Amino acid sequence: MLRLLARGLSNGEIARELVLGEATVKTHVARVFQKLDLHDRAQAVVLAYETGLATPGEAA
């Protein structure tokens, strides 16, 4: 989930890629934020890059 967030995908795009409902994706995103003590997608992107989970130039 964090890798997809780091690629800049919206909840709808993540849902289509993972074949899930948007409400399910929204729940997963909220739980990722909670577990990692993140406040928004920007912080999620920074964390993904800092930990090496995402790298510049990955396909969007």
C-alpha atoms as a PDB file:
ATOM      1  CA  MET A   1       0.000   0.000   0.000  1.00  0.00           C
ATOM      2  CA  LEU A   2       2.780   2.408   0.932  1.00  0.00           C
ATOM      3  CA  ARG A   3       4.580   1.732  -2.342  1.00  0.00           C
ATOM      4  CA  LEU A   4       1.429   2.596  -4.293  1.00  0.00           C
ATOM      5  CA  LEU A   5       0.940   5.760  -2.253  1.00  0.00           C
ATOM      6  CA  ALA A   6       4.536   6.727  -2.991  1.00  0.00           C
ATOM      7  CA  ARG A   7       3.817   6.392  -6.704  1.00  0.00           C
ATOM      8  CA  GLY A   8       1.190   9.097  -6.260  1.00  0.00           C
ATOM      9  CA  LEU A   9      -1.822   6.923  -6.964  1.00  0.00           C
ATOM     10  CA  SER A  10      -5.252   8.000  -5.763  1.00  0.00           C
ATOM     11  CA  ASN A  11      -7.480   5.678  -3.753  1.00  0.00           C
ATOM     12  CA  GLY A  12      -9.445   4.922  -6.909  1.00  0.00           C
ATOM     13  CA  GLU A  13      -6.309   4.062  -8.870  1.00  0.00           C
ATOM     14  CA  ILE A  14      -5.040   1.847  -6.048  1.00  0.00           C
ATOM     15  CA  ALA A  15      -8.431   0.129  -5.895  1.00  0.00           C
ATOM     16  CA  ARG A  16      -8.337  -0.629  -9.618  1.00  0.00           C
ATOM     17  CA  GLU A  17      -4.748  -1.894  -9.477  1.00  0.00           C
ATOM     18  CA  LEU A  18      -5.420  -4.178  -6.488  1.00  0.00           C
ATOM     19  CA  VAL A  19      -8.985  -5.077  -7.534  1.00  0.00           C
ATOM     20  CA  LEU A  20     -10.446  -3.752  -4.278  1.00  0.00           C
ATOM     21  CA  GLY A  21     -13.247  -1.367  -3.446  1.00  0.00           C
ATOM     22  CA  GLU A  22     -12.340   2.257  -2.824  1.00  0.00           C
ATOM     23  CA  ALA A  23     -13.725   2.043   0.715  1.00  0.00           C
ATOM     24  CA  THR A  24     -11.384  -0.878   1.426  1.00  0.00           C
ATOM     25  CA  VAL A  25      -8.411   1.072   0.088  1.00  0.00           C
ATOM     26  CA  LYS A  26      -9.403   4.094   2.172  1.00  0.00           C
ATOM     27  CA  THR A  27      -9.456   1.886   5.282  1.00  0.00           C
ATOM     28  CA  HIS A  28      -6.045   0.398   4.467  1.00  0.00           C
ATOM     29  CA  VAL A  29      -4.534   3.829   3.809  1.00  0.00           C
ATOM     30  CA  ALA A  30      -5.888   5.140   7.111  1.00  0.00           C
ATOM     31  CA  ARG A  31      -4.424   2.158   8.958  1.00  0.00           C
ATOM     32  CA  VAL A  32      -1.027   2.621   7.300  1.00  0.00           C
ATOM     33  CA  PHE A  33      -1.066   6.272   8.377  1.00  0.00           C
ATOM     34  CA  GLN A  34      -2.027   5.294  11.912  1.00  0.00           C
ATOM     35  CA  LYS A  35       0.524   2.508  12.289  1.00  0.00           C
ATOM     36  CA  LEU A  36       3.357   4.598  10.872  1.00  0.00           C
ATOM     37  CA  ASP A  37       2.263   7.797  12.656  1.00  0.00           C
ATOM     38  CA  LEU A  38       1.804   9.663   9.377  1.00  0.00           C
ATOM     39  CA  HIS A  39      -0.510  12.617   8.869  1.00  0.00           C
ATOM     40  CA  ASP A  40      -0.819  12.754   5.099  1.00  0.00           C
ATOM     41  CA  ARG A  41       0.282  11.297   1.778  1.00  0.00           C
ATOM     42  CA  ALA A  42       3.269  13.618   1.566  1.00  0.00           C
ATOM     43  CA  GLN A  43       4.710  12.110   4.736  1.00  0.00           C
ATOM     44  CA  ALA A  44       4.027   8.634   3.341  1.00  0.00           C
ATOM     45  CA  VAL A  45       5.980   9.466   0.183  1.00  0.00           C
ATOM     46  CA  VAL A  46       8.916  10.832   2.187  1.00  0.00           C
ATOM     47  CA  LEU A  47       8.989   7.729   4.378  1.00  0.00           C
ATOM     48  CA  ALA A  48       8.852   5.415   1.358  1.00  0.00           C
ATOM     49  CA  TYR A  49      11.817   7.195  -0.241  1.00  0.00           C
ATOM     50  CA  GLU A  50      13.834   7.424   2.984  1.00  0.00           C
ATOM     51  CA  THR A  51      13.443   3.705   3.655  1.00  0.00           C
ATOM     52  CA  GLY A  52      14.195   2.689   0.072  1.00  0.00           C
ATOM     53  CA  LEU A  53      10.707   1.303  -0.504  1.00  0.00           C
ATOM     54  CA  ALA A  54      10.305   3.703  -3.436  1.00  0.00           C
ATOM     55  CA  THR A  55      12.873   5.095  -5.826  1.00  0.00           C
ATOM     56  CA  PRO A  56      12.734   7.957  -8.322  1.00  0.00           C
ATOM     57  CA  GLY A  57      11.487   6.964 -11.737  1.00  0.00           C
ATOM     58  CA  GLU A  58       9.271   4.049 -10.698  1.00  0.00           C
ATOM     59  CA  ALA A  59       6.330   3.595 -13.042  1.00  0.00           C
ATOM     60  CA  ALA A  60       3.247   5.477 -11.971  1.00  0.00           C
END
